[in-house]
Amino acid sequence: MLTRVNDLVERVALWGLALLFAALITVVGVQVLARNVFEVPMIWTLDMAQLLFSWCIFGGAAVAFRQKRHYEVNVWPAIGALHIIPRLAGTLGSVAVIYVLAWHGFQFAQITMSRFSQSLQISEVWFIAPIPICGVLMALFLVEQIMDDLRGRPRDPGDPTMDGAS
């Protein structure tokens, strides 16, 4: 059940990220065109590009976490039952990062609620919101990974047999 929910969340996130990235490219293109061709400063494009970039980076990090596309350093041989040690260390490291993103990102977002972007006339919380949201998504994906590990079937994104049928 959780795998199906996470599959849906991942699909929605990927579509959203595609739209955000297209918007980012468009905004930067407009900024370059306005500045270099028409010699018209468009201050709002700087803030808009930063906003879109923030959402793309943190949303992409959450999706990459689910797809296990994050960096992995193999320093421990996967021999017998010893393979559990690096998996446990990786899970504990993930919990620490997720805690920082979700909890402290939420606190940071609360601080920025009363600040406003002068050029966009929106709360700066929209610039920070992707941090705790990414943390929550990663937590959801981590629960799925832990459940798969406990069942003895770690999720391999390249394995076509892992189609979410659980």
Protein backbone atom coordinates (compact mmCIF):
# COMPACT_ATOMS: atom_id res chain seq x y z
CA MET A 1 0.00 0.00 0.00
CA LEU A 2 2.74 2.46 0.97
CA THR A 3 4.61 1.64 -2.22
CA ARG A 4 1.58 2.56 -4.30
CA VAL A 5 1.12 5.82 -2.40
CA ASN A 6 4.80 6.64 -2.85
CA ASP A 7 4.61 5.74 -6.55
CA LEU A 8 1.79 8.28 -6.93
CA VAL A 9 3.66 10.90 -4.89
CA GLU A 10 6.76 10.35 -7.01
CA ARG A 11 4.81 10.64 -10.28
CA VAL A 12 3.13 13.87 -9.15
CA ALA A 13 6.47 15.24 -7.97
CA LEU A 14 8.16 14.40 -11.28
CA TRP A 15 5.42 16.15 -13.28
CA GLY A 16 5.57 19.13 -10.96
CA LEU A 17 9.34 19.25 -11.23
CA ALA A 18 9.15 19.13 -15.03
CA LEU A 19 6.78 22.11 -15.02
CA LEU A 20 8.90 24.02 -12.49
CA PHE A 21 12.06 23.38 -14.48
CA ALA A 22 10.39 24.55 -17.70
CA ALA A 23 9.25 27.69 -15.87
CA LEU A 24 12.79 28.23 -14.54
CA ILE A 25 14.28 27.99 -18.03
CA THR A 26 11.62 30.38 -19.36
CA VAL A 27 12.18 32.95 -16.59
CA VAL A 28 15.95 32.90 -17.04
CA GLY A 29 15.50 33.18 -20.81
CA VAL A 30 13.20 36.18 -20.37
CA GLN A 31 15.71 37.77 -18.01
CA VAL A 32 18.61 37.34 -20.44
CA LEU A 33 16.55 38.54 -23.39
CA ALA A 34 15.23 41.59 -21.54
CA ARG A 35 18.63 42.60 -20.21
CA ASN A 36 20.80 41.92 -23.26
CA VAL A 37 18.45 42.54 -26.19
CA PHE A 38 15.92 45.08 -24.97
CA GLU A 39 18.13 46.60 -22.25
CA VAL A 40 15.23 46.51 -19.81
CA PRO A 41 15.97 45.43 -16.25
CA MET A 42 13.49 42.89 -14.93
CA ILE A 43 14.26 42.62 -11.22
CA TRP A 44 11.47 40.15 -10.48
CA THR A 45 13.10 37.48 -12.65
CA LEU A 46 15.99 37.10 -10.19
CA ASP A 47 13.69 36.27 -7.29
CA MET A 48 11.44 34.10 -9.44
CA ALA A 49 14.43 32.10 -10.72
CA GLN A 50 15.66 31.62 -7.15
CA LEU A 51 12.20 30.49 -6.03
CA LEU A 52 11.84 27.98 -8.87
CA PHE A 53 15.41 26.75 -8.40
CA SER A 54 14.77 26.08 -4.70
CA TRP A 55 11.69 24.00 -5.46
CA CYS A 56 13.50 22.10 -8.22
CA ILE A 57 16.53 21.30 -6.06
CA PHE A 58 14.70 20.09 -2.97
CA GLY A 59 11.93 18.32 -4.88
CA GLY A 60 14.54 16.62 -7.03
CA ALA A 61 16.47 15.57 -3.92
CA ALA A 62 13.38 13.86 -2.51
CA VAL A 63 12.72 11.98 -5.76
CA ALA A 64 16.40 11.03 -6.04
CA PHE A 65 16.26 9.70 -2.49
CA ARG A 66 13.34 7.44 -3.36
CA GLN A 67 15.05 6.22 -6.52
CA LYS A 68 18.27 5.61 -4.55
CA ARG A 69 20.16 7.94 -6.83
CA HIS A 70 21.96 9.66 -3.95
CA TYR A 71 25.68 9.21 -3.41
CA GLU A 72 26.80 5.95 -1.92
CA VAL A 73 30.31 5.07 -0.86
CA ASN A 74 31.08 1.40 -0.44
CA VAL A 75 33.74 1.08 2.25
CA TRP A 76 32.46 -2.10 3.83
CA PRO A 77 32.43 -5.46 2.04
CA ALA A 78 28.98 -7.00 1.63
CA ILE A 79 29.94 -10.36 3.11
CA GLY A 80 27.29 -12.51 4.77
CA ALA A 81 25.34 -10.84 7.53
CA LEU A 82 27.81 -7.94 7.68
CA HIS A 83 25.93 -6.17 4.87
CA ILE A 84 23.45 -4.98 7.50
CA ILE A 85 26.03 -2.63 9.08
CA PRO A 86 26.36 -0.16 6.17
CA ARG A 87 22.58 -0.36 5.53
CA LEU A 88 21.92 0.54 9.17
CA ALA A 89 24.50 3.34 9.07
CA GLY A 90 22.93 4.69 5.87
CA THR A 91 19.45 4.55 7.39
CA LEU A 92 20.59 6.35 10.54
CA GLY A 93 22.35 8.99 8.43
CA SER A 94 19.16 9.41 6.39
CA VAL A 95 17.13 9.86 9.57
CA ALA A 96 19.52 12.60 10.72
CA VAL A 97 19.36 14.47 7.41
CA ILE A 98 15.57 14.10 7.21
CA TYR A 99 15.22 15.42 10.77
CA VAL A 100 17.29 18.51 9.92
CA LEU A 101 15.37 19.16 6.70
CA ALA A 102 11.90 18.59 8.15
CA TRP A 103 12.13 19.98 11.67
CA HIS A 104 14.65 22.79 11.28
CA GLY A 105 13.35 23.59 7.79
CA PHE A 106 9.91 24.03 9.32
CA GLN A 107 11.32 26.32 12.01
CA PHE A 108 13.19 28.34 9.38
CA ALA A 109 10.02 28.60 7.29
CA GLN A 110 8.15 29.99 10.29
CA ILE A 111 10.78 32.71 10.69
CA THR A 112 10.41 33.79 7.07
CA MET A 113 6.61 33.99 7.10
CA SER A 114 6.66 37.67 8.00
CA ARG A 115 9.27 38.63 5.40
CA PHE A 116 8.27 39.57 1.88
CA SER A 117 10.02 39.53 -1.45
CA GLN A 118 9.99 43.10 -2.69
CA SER A 119 9.95 42.21 -6.35
CA LEU A 120 7.40 39.37 -6.23
CA GLN A 121 5.25 40.71 -3.38
CA ILE A 122 4.97 37.25 -1.79
CA SER A 123 6.07 35.87 1.55
CA GLU A 124 9.61 34.54 1.63
CA VAL A 125 8.23 31.37 3.19
CA TRP A 126 7.67 30.18 -0.40
CA PHE A 127 11.45 30.20 -0.88
CA ILE A 128 12.00 28.06 2.22
CA ALA A 129 8.92 25.79 2.09
CA PRO A 130 10.58 23.19 -0.17
CA ILE A 131 13.04 22.33 2.60
CA PRO A 132 10.58 20.90 5.15
CA ILE A 133 8.34 19.52 2.40
CA CYS A 134 11.34 17.66 0.98
CA GLY A 135 12.11 16.35 4.46
CA VAL A 136 8.58 15.01 4.87
CA LEU A 137 8.65 13.35 1.45
CA MET A 138 12.02 11.78 2.25
CA ALA A 139 10.62 10.48 5.55
CA LEU A 140 7.73 8.89 3.67
CA PHE A 141 10.15 7.30 1.22
CA LEU A 142 12.47 6.16 4.04
CA VAL A 143 9.63 4.31 5.78
CA GLU A 144 9.04 2.43 2.53
CA GLN A 145 12.75 1.59 2.23
CA ILE A 146 12.90 0.36 5.83
CA MET A 147 9.83 -1.80 5.32
CA ASP A 148 11.38 -3.28 2.17
CA ASP A 149 14.63 -3.94 4.05
CA LEU A 150 12.76 -5.67 6.88
CA ARG A 151 10.96 -7.84 4.34
CA GLY A 152 14.32 -8.77 2.87
CA ARG A 153 13.73 -7.11 -0.49
CA PRO A 154 15.54 -3.80 -0.79
CA ARG A 155 14.07 -1.65 -3.52
CA ASP A 156 16.29 -1.51 -6.59
CA PRO A 157 15.17 1.24 -8.99
CA GLY A 158 16.71 -0.59 -11.95
CA ASP A 159 14.88 -3.83 -11.23
CA PRO A 160 11.81 -4.18 -13.46
CA THR A 161 10.26 -6.69 -11.04
CA MET A 162 9.89 -3.91 -8.45
CA ASP A 163 6.79 -2.40 -10.00
CA GLY A 164 5.12 -1.37 -6.76
CA ALA A 165 3.00 -4.50 -6.42
CA SER A 166 3.02 -4.94 -2.67
